[in-house]
Amino acid sequence: MLIRKVEQFLRRHDMPATKFGRLAAHDPRFVLDLRMGRIPRPATEKRTLEWMERYELAQLARHATLAELCAHAGFEIKGRVADARQEMRHAA
């Protein structure tokens, strides 16, 4: 079921349901409607799943790029990104 995958995605990315709906389906009520039993068309479900996959790949690429840049510059990422930026400022 789509709603289960969406709920897992929302928890994993700490994303509000309305933001997900706007980004993935151009409908801020999309997740709320799914929670109320809405069954999306197969094409809508496919587009939503593809959007979730693209979003996760983009997040992985963004974090990998930051890690690679830091490693190339000789810095370690410790904890959150903000901590890494602070570490880089102090080391420079």
N, C-alpha and C. Protein backbone atom coordinates (compact mmCIF):
# COMPACT_ATOMS: atom_id res chain seq x y z
N MET A 1 0.83 -1.19 0.00
CA MET A 1 0.00 0.00 0.00
C MET A 1 0.87 1.25 0.00
N LEU A 2 0.45 2.21 -0.77
CA LEU A 2 1.20 3.45 -0.90
C LEU A 2 1.31 4.19 0.43
N ILE A 3 0.25 4.24 1.20
CA ILE A 3 0.26 5.02 2.43
C ILE A 3 1.36 4.54 3.39
N ARG A 4 1.59 3.25 3.46
CA ARG A 4 2.65 2.74 4.34
C ARG A 4 4.02 3.24 3.91
N LYS A 5 4.27 3.20 2.61
CA LYS A 5 5.56 3.68 2.10
C LYS A 5 5.71 5.19 2.33
N VAL A 6 4.63 5.90 2.14
CA VAL A 6 4.65 7.35 2.36
C VAL A 6 4.91 7.66 3.83
N GLU A 7 4.23 6.98 4.72
CA GLU A 7 4.42 7.22 6.16
C GLU A 7 5.87 6.92 6.58
N GLN A 8 6.44 5.85 6.06
CA GLN A 8 7.84 5.53 6.36
C GLN A 8 8.76 6.63 5.84
N PHE A 9 8.48 7.09 4.63
CA PHE A 9 9.26 8.17 4.02
C PHE A 9 9.19 9.43 4.88
N LEU A 10 7.98 9.78 5.33
CA LEU A 10 7.81 10.99 6.14
C LEU A 10 8.61 10.89 7.44
N ARG A 11 8.58 9.74 8.07
CA ARG A 11 9.35 9.56 9.32
C ARG A 11 10.85 9.60 9.04
N ARG A 12 11.27 8.94 7.98
CA ARG A 12 12.70 8.86 7.66
C ARG A 12 13.28 10.25 7.36
N HIS A 13 12.49 11.09 6.72
CA HIS A 13 12.99 12.41 6.32
C HIS A 13 12.44 13.54 7.18
N ASP A 14 11.70 13.19 8.23
CA ASP A 14 11.12 14.18 9.13
C ASP A 14 10.42 15.29 8.34
N MET A 15 9.57 14.88 7.42
CA MET A 15 8.90 15.81 6.52
C MET A 15 7.41 15.89 6.87
N PRO A 16 6.87 17.09 6.94
CA PRO A 16 5.42 17.23 7.17
C PRO A 16 4.63 16.66 6.00
N ALA A 17 3.46 16.13 6.29
CA ALA A 17 2.61 15.51 5.27
C ALA A 17 2.22 16.51 4.18
N THR A 18 1.93 17.75 4.57
CA THR A 18 1.51 18.73 3.58
C THR A 18 2.64 19.10 2.63
N LYS A 19 3.87 19.17 3.14
CA LYS A 19 5.02 19.45 2.27
C LYS A 19 5.21 18.32 1.27
N PHE A 20 5.12 17.09 1.77
CA PHE A 20 5.24 15.94 0.87
C PHE A 20 4.18 16.02 -0.22
N GLY A 21 2.95 16.29 0.17
CA GLY A 21 1.87 16.36 -0.81
C GLY A 21 2.12 17.43 -1.86
N ARG A 22 2.59 18.59 -1.44
CA ARG A 22 2.87 19.67 -2.40
C ARG A 22 3.98 19.27 -3.35
N LEU A 23 5.06 18.68 -2.82
CA LEU A 23 6.20 18.34 -3.65
C LEU A 23 5.94 17.14 -4.55
N ALA A 24 5.35 16.10 -4.00
CA ALA A 24 5.20 14.85 -4.74
C ALA A 24 3.97 14.81 -5.63
N ALA A 25 2.88 15.42 -5.21
CA ALA A 25 1.62 15.29 -5.95
C ALA A 25 0.97 16.63 -6.28
N HIS A 26 1.64 17.73 -5.92
CA HIS A 26 1.08 19.07 -6.14
C HIS A 26 -0.28 19.22 -5.46
N ASP A 27 -0.42 18.55 -4.31
CA ASP A 27 -1.67 18.57 -3.56
C ASP A 27 -1.34 18.47 -2.07
N PRO A 28 -1.42 19.57 -1.33
CA PRO A 28 -1.06 19.52 0.09
C PRO A 28 -1.91 18.56 0.92
N ARG A 29 -3.08 18.20 0.44
CA ARG A 29 -3.95 17.27 1.17
C ARG A 29 -3.75 15.81 0.76
N PHE A 30 -2.80 15.54 -0.12
CA PHE A 30 -2.61 14.21 -0.67
C PHE A 30 -2.45 13.15 0.43
N VAL A 31 -1.52 13.36 1.35
CA VAL A 31 -1.28 12.37 2.42
C VAL A 31 -2.48 12.29 3.34
N LEU A 32 -3.06 13.42 3.66
CA LEU A 32 -4.25 13.41 4.52
C LEU A 32 -5.38 12.60 3.88
N ASP A 33 -5.54 12.76 2.58
CA ASP A 33 -6.57 11.99 1.87
C ASP A 33 -6.23 10.50 1.86
N LEU A 34 -4.94 10.17 1.68
CA LEU A 34 -4.53 8.76 1.74
C LEU A 34 -4.85 8.17 3.11
N ARG A 35 -4.59 8.95 4.15
CA ARG A 35 -4.88 8.50 5.51
C ARG A 35 -6.37 8.25 5.72
N MET A 36 -7.20 8.99 4.98
CA MET A 36 -8.65 8.84 5.10
C MET A 36 -9.19 7.75 4.17
N GLY A 37 -8.30 7.05 3.46
CA GLY A 37 -8.74 5.94 2.63
C GLY A 37 -8.72 6.17 1.14
N ARG A 38 -8.24 7.33 0.70
CA ARG A 38 -8.17 7.59 -0.75
C ARG A 38 -7.28 6.56 -1.41
N ILE A 39 -7.72 6.04 -2.53
CA ILE A 39 -6.92 5.12 -3.32
C ILE A 39 -6.53 5.84 -4.61
N PRO A 40 -5.25 6.16 -4.76
CA PRO A 40 -4.84 6.92 -5.95
C PRO A 40 -4.87 6.05 -7.20
N ARG A 41 -4.95 6.71 -8.33
CA ARG A 41 -4.87 6.02 -9.61
C ARG A 41 -3.50 5.37 -9.71
N PRO A 42 -3.38 4.30 -10.50
CA PRO A 42 -2.07 3.64 -10.65
C PRO A 42 -0.98 4.59 -11.15
N ALA A 43 -1.31 5.49 -12.05
CA ALA A 43 -0.31 6.44 -12.56
C ALA A 43 0.14 7.39 -11.46
N THR A 44 -0.78 7.82 -10.61
CA THR A 44 -0.44 8.71 -9.49
C THR A 44 0.44 7.98 -8.49
N GLU A 45 0.11 6.75 -8.20
CA GLU A 45 0.93 5.96 -7.28
C GLU A 45 2.34 5.78 -7.84
N LYS A 46 2.43 5.48 -9.12
CA LYS A 46 3.74 5.29 -9.76
C LYS A 46 4.56 6.58 -9.70
N ARG A 47 3.94 7.71 -10.03
CA ARG A 47 4.64 9.00 -9.99
C ARG A 47 5.12 9.32 -8.58
N THR A 48 4.29 9.03 -7.59
CA THR A 48 4.63 9.31 -6.20
C THR A 48 5.82 8.46 -5.76
N LEU A 49 5.80 7.18 -6.08
CA LEU A 49 6.91 6.30 -5.72
C LEU A 49 8.20 6.72 -6.42
N GLU A 50 8.09 7.11 -7.69
CA GLU A 50 9.27 7.58 -8.42
C GLU A 50 9.80 8.86 -7.82
N TRP A 51 8.91 9.77 -7.39
CA TRP A 51 9.35 11.02 -6.78
C TRP A 51 10.09 10.73 -5.47
N MET A 52 9.56 9.79 -4.67
CA MET A 52 10.20 9.44 -3.41
C MET A 52 11.60 8.87 -3.67
N GLU A 53 11.74 8.05 -4.68
CA GLU A 53 13.04 7.47 -5.01
C GLU A 53 14.02 8.55 -5.46
N ARG A 54 13.57 9.46 -6.32
CA ARG A 54 14.44 10.56 -6.77
C ARG A 54 14.87 11.44 -5.59
N TYR A 55 13.94 11.72 -4.69
CA TYR A 55 14.24 12.55 -3.52
C TYR A 55 15.32 11.88 -2.67
N GLU A 56 15.16 10.59 -2.41
CA GLU A 56 16.13 9.89 -1.58
C GLU A 56 17.49 9.82 -2.26
N LEU A 57 17.52 9.60 -3.55
CA LEU A 57 18.80 9.58 -4.27
C LEU A 57 19.47 10.95 -4.22
N ALA A 58 18.68 12.01 -4.36
CA ALA A 58 19.24 13.36 -4.28
C ALA A 58 19.80 13.63 -2.88
N GLN A 59 19.11 13.17 -1.84
CA GLN A 59 19.60 13.36 -0.47
C GLN A 59 20.90 12.61 -0.27
N LEU A 60 20.96 11.38 -0.76
CA LEU A 60 22.20 10.60 -0.64
C LEU A 60 23.34 11.27 -1.37
N ALA A 61 23.06 11.75 -2.58
CA ALA A 61 24.10 12.42 -3.36
C ALA A 61 24.58 13.68 -2.66
N ARG A 62 23.65 14.43 -2.09
CA ARG A 62 24.03 15.67 -1.40
C ARG A 62 24.92 15.38 -0.20
N HIS A 63 24.56 14.38 0.58
CA HIS A 63 25.36 14.05 1.76
C HIS A 63 26.69 13.42 1.36
N ALA A 64 26.69 12.60 0.32
CA ALA A 64 27.93 12.00 -0.14
C ALA A 64 28.87 13.07 -0.64
N THR A 65 28.34 14.05 -1.34
CA THR A 65 29.17 15.12 -1.87
C THR A 65 29.80 15.91 -0.73
N LEU A 66 29.03 16.23 0.30
CA LEU A 66 29.56 16.95 1.44
C LEU A 66 30.66 16.14 2.11
N ALA A 67 30.43 14.85 2.29
CA ALA A 67 31.43 13.98 2.92
C ALA A 67 32.69 13.91 2.07
N GLU A 68 32.51 13.80 0.75
CA GLU A 68 33.67 13.73 -0.14
C GLU A 68 34.45 15.04 -0.11
N LEU A 69 33.76 16.18 -0.12
CA LEU A 69 34.44 17.47 -0.07
C LEU A 69 35.23 17.63 1.22
N CYS A 70 34.61 17.25 2.32
CA CYS A 70 35.28 17.35 3.61
C CYS A 70 36.49 16.42 3.66
N ALA A 71 36.32 15.20 3.18
CA ALA A 71 37.43 14.25 3.19
C ALA A 71 38.56 14.75 2.31
N HIS A 72 38.22 15.31 1.16
CA HIS A 72 39.24 15.84 0.26
C HIS A 72 40.01 17.00 0.91
N ALA A 73 39.29 17.80 1.69
CA ALA A 73 39.94 18.93 2.36
C ALA A 73 40.63 18.51 3.65
N GLY A 74 40.49 17.24 4.03
CA GLY A 74 41.16 16.75 5.23
C GLY A 74 40.36 16.90 6.50
N PHE A 75 39.06 17.07 6.40
CA PHE A 75 38.21 17.22 7.57
C PHE A 75 37.34 15.99 7.75
N GLU A 76 36.98 15.72 8.98
CA GLU A 76 36.04 14.64 9.29
C GLU A 76 34.69 15.25 9.59
N ILE A 77 33.64 14.54 9.21
CA ILE A 77 32.30 14.98 9.58
C ILE A 77 31.96 14.29 10.89
N LYS A 78 31.67 15.09 11.90
CA LYS A 78 31.30 14.57 13.20
C LYS A 78 29.89 15.04 13.51
N GLY A 79 28.98 14.11 13.60
CA GLY A 79 27.61 14.47 13.94
C GLY A 79 26.91 15.18 12.80
N ARG A 80 26.26 16.27 13.09
CA ARG A 80 25.46 16.99 12.12
C ARG A 80 26.32 17.81 11.18
N VAL A 81 25.71 18.27 10.11
CA VAL A 81 26.39 19.10 9.13
C VAL A 81 26.88 20.39 9.78
N ALA A 82 26.09 20.97 10.66
CA ALA A 82 26.48 22.21 11.33
C ALA A 82 27.76 22.00 12.13
N ASP A 83 27.87 20.85 12.78
CA ASP A 83 29.10 20.54 13.52
C ASP A 83 30.28 20.46 12.58
N ALA A 84 30.08 19.87 11.40
CA ALA A 84 31.16 19.74 10.43
C ALA A 84 31.61 21.11 9.95
N ARG A 85 30.64 21.98 9.70
CA ARG A 85 31.01 23.34 9.25
C ARG A 85 31.80 24.07 10.33
N GLN A 86 31.38 23.91 11.57
CA GLN A 86 32.08 24.56 12.67
C GLN A 86 33.50 24.00 12.79
N GLU A 87 33.65 22.68 12.65
CA GLU A 87 34.97 22.05 12.71
C GLU A 87 35.87 22.59 11.59
N MET A 88 35.27 22.79 10.40
CA MET A 88 36.07 23.28 9.29
C MET A 88 36.52 24.71 9.55
N ARG A 89 35.66 25.53 10.14
CA ARG A 89 36.04 26.93 10.43
C ARG A 89 37.19 26.97 11.44
N HIS A 90 37.15 26.12 12.47
CA HIS A 90 38.17 26.13 13.49
C HIS A 90 39.49 25.59 12.98
N ALA A 91 39.44 24.65 12.06
CA ALA A 91 40.66 24.05 11.55
C ALA A 91 41.39 24.98 10.59
N ALA A 92 40.65 25.88 9.94
CA ALA A 92 41.24 26.76 8.93
C ALA A 92 41.95 27.88 9.56
